[in-house]
Every structure is written in C-alpha cells, then in structure tokens.
Amino acid sequence: MSSLYDLVKDMYSEVGRSSIDSVILVKLTFVQFTFCIRSMRKTIEKAETNMA
C-alpha cells in the first residue's frame, strides 16, 4: 500500500483540514462496490457499525 501513497501524494495538500487517508478511501470504495452501497456516507456508517 505504500506505493499508493506515492501515486496520490501530489493530490493532497499540506495545509488545511486533514483528509481521509488514501488507503482507507480505497478500502471504503472497495466495500462500497462490493456491497452495492450508493453513498459514501452510508458506507462509512456501515463500516463503523460492523467493526464492533
């Protein structure tokens, strides 16, 4: 996954609000696609619920 950081490092700003980690974003997108969830917000809610 460290190569992913190299691919996206130019897309992230050093200043301002912190953003979602790129590895987490890729994993969430994979879960979203796998379970046919249409909203990223719903995907995050499901991930938070099912981690317990």
PDB file of N, CA and C in Angstrom:
ATOM      1  N   MET A   1       0.809  -1.198   0.000  1.00  0.00           N
ATOM      2  CA  MET A   1       0.000   0.000   0.000  1.00  0.00           C
ATOM      3  C   MET A   1       0.853   1.263   0.000  1.00  0.00           C
ATOM      4  N   SER A   2       2.125   1.147   0.293  1.00  0.00           N
ATOM      5  CA  SER A   2       2.965   2.342   0.302  1.00  0.00           C
ATOM      6  C   SER A   2       3.094   2.938  -1.093  1.00  0.00           C
ATOM      7  N   SER A   3       2.978   2.117  -2.142  1.00  0.00           N
ATOM      8  CA  SER A   3       3.028   2.656  -3.495  1.00  0.00           C
ATOM      9  C   SER A   3       1.808   3.525  -3.785  1.00  0.00           C
ATOM     10  N   LEU A   4       0.705   3.262  -3.116  1.00  0.00           N
ATOM     11  CA  LEU A   4      -0.488   4.093  -3.264  1.00  0.00           C
ATOM     12  C   LEU A   4      -0.217   5.504  -2.765  1.00  0.00           C
ATOM     13  N   TYR A   5       0.503   5.622  -1.676  1.00  0.00           N
ATOM     14  CA  TYR A   5       0.865   6.944  -1.154  1.00  0.00           C
ATOM     15  C   TYR A   5       1.705   7.709  -2.175  1.00  0.00           C
ATOM     16  N   ASP A   6       2.598   7.023  -2.853  1.00  0.00           N
ATOM     17  CA  ASP A   6       3.429   7.678  -3.870  1.00  0.00           C
ATOM     18  C   ASP A   6       2.588   8.161  -5.045  1.00  0.00           C
ATOM     19  N   LEU A   7       1.557   7.403  -5.397  1.00  0.00           N
ATOM     20  CA  LEU A   7       0.703   7.780  -6.526  1.00  0.00           C
ATOM     21  C   LEU A   7      -0.148   9.014  -6.236  1.00  0.00           C
ATOM     22  N   VAL A   8      -0.571   9.185  -4.990  1.00  0.00           N
ATOM     23  CA  VAL A   8      -1.524  10.261  -4.676  1.00  0.00           C
ATOM     24  C   VAL A   8      -0.927  11.422  -3.895  1.00  0.00           C
ATOM     25  N   LYS A   9       0.359  11.409  -3.641  1.00  0.00           N
ATOM     26  CA  LYS A   9       0.943  12.444  -2.790  1.00  0.00           C
ATOM     27  C   LYS A   9       0.786  13.847  -3.363  1.00  0.00           C
ATOM     28  N   ASP A  10       0.749  13.992  -4.684  1.00  0.00           N
ATOM     29  CA  ASP A  10       0.586  15.310  -5.298  1.00  0.00           C
ATOM     30  C   ASP A  10      -0.850  15.825  -5.202  1.00  0.00           C
ATOM     31  N   MET A  11      -1.785  14.960  -4.878  1.00  0.00           N
ATOM     32  CA  MET A  11      -3.201  15.349  -4.812  1.00  0.00           C
ATOM     33  C   MET A  11      -3.620  15.827  -3.431  1.00  0.00           C
ATOM     34  N   TYR A  12      -2.761  15.671  -2.444  1.00  0.00           N
ATOM     35  CA  TYR A  12      -3.083  16.059  -1.080  1.00  0.00           C
ATOM     36  C   TYR A  12      -2.318  17.318  -0.699  1.00  0.00           C
ATOM     37  N   SER A  13      -2.991  18.217  -0.009  1.00  0.00           N
ATOM     38  CA  SER A  13      -2.392  19.477   0.404  1.00  0.00           C
ATOM     39  C   SER A  13      -1.728  19.327   1.771  1.00  0.00           C
ATOM     40  N   GLU A  14      -0.701  20.091   1.997  1.00  0.00           N
ATOM     41  CA  GLU A  14      -0.010  20.095   3.290  1.00  0.00           C
ATOM     42  C   GLU A  14      -0.716  20.998   4.300  1.00  0.00           C
ATOM     43  N   VAL A  15      -1.543  21.915   3.826  1.00  0.00           N
ATOM     44  CA  VAL A  15      -2.238  22.862   4.698  1.00  0.00           C
ATOM     45  C   VAL A  15      -3.738  22.603   4.657  1.00  0.00           C
ATOM     46  N   GLY A  16      -4.441  23.106   5.658  1.00  0.00           N
ATOM     47  CA  GLY A  16      -5.890  22.964   5.694  1.00  0.00           C
ATOM     48  C   GLY A  16      -6.337  21.756   6.499  1.00  0.00           C
ATOM     49  N   ARG A  17      -7.601  21.420   6.310  1.00  0.00           N
ATOM     50  CA  ARG A  17      -8.165  20.275   7.026  1.00  0.00           C
ATOM     51  C   ARG A  17      -7.479  18.986   6.620  1.00  0.00           C
ATOM     52  N   SER A  18      -7.389  18.090   7.573  1.00  0.00           N
ATOM     53  CA  SER A  18      -6.831  16.783   7.230  1.00  0.00           C
ATOM     54  C   SER A  18      -7.867  16.011   6.416  1.00  0.00           C
ATOM     55  N   SER A  19      -7.399  15.203   5.520  1.00  0.00           N
ATOM     56  CA  SER A  19      -8.297  14.467   4.641  1.00  0.00           C
ATOM     57  C   SER A  19      -8.312  12.997   5.033  1.00  0.00           C
ATOM     58  N   ILE A  20      -9.193  12.247   4.383  1.00  0.00           N
ATOM     59  CA  ILE A  20      -9.262  10.803   4.623  1.00  0.00           C
ATOM     60  C   ILE A  20      -7.990  10.177   4.054  1.00  0.00           C
ATOM     61  N   ASP A  21      -7.399   9.288   4.817  1.00  0.00           N
ATOM     62  CA  ASP A  21      -6.195   8.590   4.364  1.00  0.00           C
ATOM     63  C   ASP A  21      -6.497   7.858   3.062  1.00  0.00           C
ATOM     64  N   SER A  22      -5.607   7.928   2.117  1.00  0.00           N
ATOM     65  CA  SER A  22      -5.850   7.367   0.791  1.00  0.00           C
ATOM     66  C   SER A  22      -6.073   5.852   0.820  1.00  0.00           C
ATOM     67  N   VAL A  23      -5.384   5.144   1.686  1.00  0.00           N
ATOM     68  CA  VAL A  23      -5.579   3.691   1.791  1.00  0.00           C
ATOM     69  C   VAL A  23      -6.975   3.391   2.324  1.00  0.00           C
ATOM     70  N   ILE A  24      -7.408   4.129   3.326  1.00  0.00           N
ATOM     71  CA  ILE A  24      -8.750   3.940   3.882  1.00  0.00           C
ATOM     72  C   ILE A  24      -9.795   4.257   2.820  1.00  0.00           C
ATOM     73  N   LEU A  25      -9.569   5.309   2.040  1.00  0.00           N
ATOM     74  CA  LEU A  25     -10.512   5.687   0.988  1.00  0.00           C
ATOM     75  C   LEU A  25     -10.646   4.585  -0.056  1.00  0.00           C
ATOM     76  N   VAL A  26      -9.543   3.972  -0.443  1.00  0.00           N
ATOM     77  CA  VAL A  26      -9.586   2.877  -1.407  1.00  0.00           C
ATOM     78  C   VAL A  26     -10.322   1.679  -0.821  1.00  0.00           C
ATOM     79  N   LYS A  27     -10.058   1.375   0.437  1.00  0.00           N
ATOM     80  CA  LYS A  27     -10.742   0.247   1.080  1.00  0.00           C
ATOM     81  C   LYS A  27     -12.237   0.505   1.198  1.00  0.00           C
ATOM     82  N   LEU A  28     -12.617   1.728   1.569  1.00  0.00           N
ATOM     83  CA  LEU A  28     -14.037   2.066   1.669  1.00  0.00           C
ATOM     84  C   LEU A  28     -14.725   1.981   0.310  1.00  0.00           C
ATOM     85  N   THR A  29     -14.045   2.424  -0.733  1.00  0.00           N
ATOM     86  CA  THR A  29     -14.609   2.339  -2.083  1.00  0.00           C
ATOM     87  C   THR A  29     -14.791   0.894  -2.505  1.00  0.00           C
ATOM     88  N   PHE A  30     -13.857   0.033  -2.135  1.00  0.00           N
ATOM     89  CA  PHE A  30     -13.985  -1.398  -2.431  1.00  0.00           C
ATOM     90  C   PHE A  30     -15.191  -2.000  -1.707  1.00  0.00           C
ATOM     91  N   VAL A  31     -15.362  -1.656  -0.431  1.00  0.00           N
ATOM     92  CA  VAL A  31     -16.517  -2.140   0.335  1.00  0.00           C
ATOM     93  C   VAL A  31     -17.809  -1.613  -0.281  1.00  0.00           C
ATOM     94  N   GLN A  32     -17.802  -0.351  -0.675  1.00  0.00           N
ATOM     95  CA  GLN A  32     -18.976   0.270  -1.283  1.00  0.00           C
ATOM     96  C   GLN A  32     -19.362  -0.469  -2.564  1.00  0.00           C
ATOM     97  N   PHE A  33     -18.413  -0.786  -3.383  1.00  0.00           N
ATOM     98  CA  PHE A  33     -18.678  -1.506  -4.619  1.00  0.00           C
ATOM     99  C   PHE A  33     -19.140  -2.939  -4.346  1.00  0.00           C
ATOM    100  N   THR A  34     -18.492  -3.600  -3.399  1.00  0.00           N
ATOM    101  CA  THR A  34     -18.803  -4.996  -3.099  1.00  0.00           C
ATOM    102  C   THR A  34     -20.226  -5.170  -2.579  1.00  0.00           C
ATOM    103  N   PHE A  35     -20.667  -4.265  -1.710  1.00  0.00           N
ATOM    104  CA  PHE A  35     -21.982  -4.391  -1.097  1.00  0.00           C
ATOM    105  C   PHE A  35     -23.039  -3.507  -1.758  1.00  0.00           C
ATOM    106  N   CYS A  36     -22.719  -2.937  -2.918  1.00  0.00           N
ATOM    107  CA  CYS A  36     -23.666  -2.123  -3.699  1.00  0.00           C
ATOM    108  C   CYS A  36     -24.286  -1.001  -2.870  1.00  0.00           C
ATOM    109  N   ILE A  37     -23.459  -0.293  -2.142  1.00  0.00           N
ATOM    110  CA  ILE A  37     -23.918   0.847  -1.351  1.00  0.00           C
ATOM    111  C   ILE A  37     -23.686   2.089  -2.206  1.00  0.00           C
ATOM    112  N   ARG A  38     -24.712   2.920  -2.344  1.00  0.00           N
ATOM    113  CA  ARG A  38     -24.626   4.057  -3.264  1.00  0.00           C
ATOM    114  C   ARG A  38     -23.986   5.295  -2.647  1.00  0.00           C
ATOM    115  N   SER A  39     -23.962   5.400  -1.344  1.00  0.00           N
ATOM    116  CA  SER A  39     -23.490   6.613  -0.689  1.00  0.00           C
ATOM    117  C   SER A  39     -22.236   6.323   0.132  1.00  0.00           C
ATOM    118  N   MET A  40     -21.250   7.198   0.037  1.00  0.00           N
ATOM    119  CA  MET A  40     -20.041   7.045   0.848  1.00  0.00           C
ATOM    120  C   MET A  40     -20.374   7.233   2.318  1.00  0.00           C
ATOM    121  N   ARG A  41     -21.314   8.121   2.616  1.00  0.00           N
ATOM    122  CA  ARG A  41     -21.734   8.335   3.998  1.00  0.00           C
ATOM    123  C   ARG A  41     -22.323   7.058   4.588  1.00  0.00           C
ATOM    124  N   LYS A  42     -23.177   6.371   3.821  1.00  0.00           N
ATOM    125  CA  LYS A  42     -23.753   5.098   4.276  1.00  0.00           C
ATOM    126  C   LYS A  42     -22.667   4.033   4.429  1.00  0.00           C
ATOM    127  N   THR A  43     -21.703   4.051   3.540  1.00  0.00           N
ATOM    128  CA  THR A  43     -20.602   3.090   3.614  1.00  0.00           C
ATOM    129  C   THR A  43     -19.824   3.277   4.906  1.00  0.00           C
ATOM    130  N   ILE A  44     -19.540   4.522   5.258  1.00  0.00           N
ATOM    131  CA  ILE A  44     -18.813   4.801   6.489  1.00  0.00           C
ATOM    132  C   ILE A  44     -19.636   4.401   7.698  1.00  0.00           C
ATOM    133  N   GLU A  45     -20.948   4.680   7.665  1.00  0.00           N
ATOM    134  CA  GLU A  45     -21.830   4.276   8.775  1.00  0.00           C
ATOM    135  C   GLU A  45     -21.824   2.761   8.938  1.00  0.00           C
ATOM    136  N   LYS A  46     -21.931   2.032   7.827  1.00  0.00           N
ATOM    137  CA  LYS A  46     -21.916   0.563   7.884  1.00  0.00           C
ATOM    138  C   LYS A  46     -20.577   0.054   8.405  1.00  0.00           C
ATOM    139  N   ALA A  47     -19.487   0.646   7.974  1.00  0.00           N
ATOM    140  CA  ALA A  47     -18.163   0.223   8.438  1.00  0.00           C
ATOM    141  C   ALA A  47     -18.010   0.450   9.937  1.00  0.00           C
ATOM    142  N   GLU A  48     -18.466   1.610  10.413  1.00  0.00           N
ATOM    143  CA  GLU A  48     -18.374   1.898  11.841  1.00  0.00           C
ATOM    144  C   GLU A  48     -19.235   0.938  12.661  1.00  0.00           C
ATOM    145  N   THR A  49     -20.418   0.625  12.156  1.00  0.00           N
ATOM    146  CA  THR A  49     -21.336  -0.289  12.852  1.00  0.00           C
ATOM    147  C   THR A  49     -20.791  -1.702  12.884  1.00  0.00           C
ATOM    148  N   ASN A  50     -20.278  -2.173  11.762  1.00  0.00           N
ATOM    149  CA  ASN A  50     -19.858  -3.564  11.647  1.00  0.00           C
ATOM    150  C   ASN A  50     -18.464  -3.841  12.150  1.00  0.00           C
ATOM    151  N   MET A  51     -17.709  -2.805  12.515  1.00  0.00           N
ATOM    152  CA  MET A  51     -16.380  -3.040  13.082  1.00  0.00           C
ATOM    153  C   MET A  51     -16.477  -3.640  14.476  1.00  0.00           C
ATOM    154  N   ALA A  52     -17.560  -3.366  15.170  1.00  0.00           N
ATOM    155  CA  ALA A  52     -17.752  -3.912  16.514  1.00  0.00           C
ATOM    156  C   ALA A  52     -18.139  -5.350  16.370  1.00  0.00           C
TER     157      ALA A  52
END
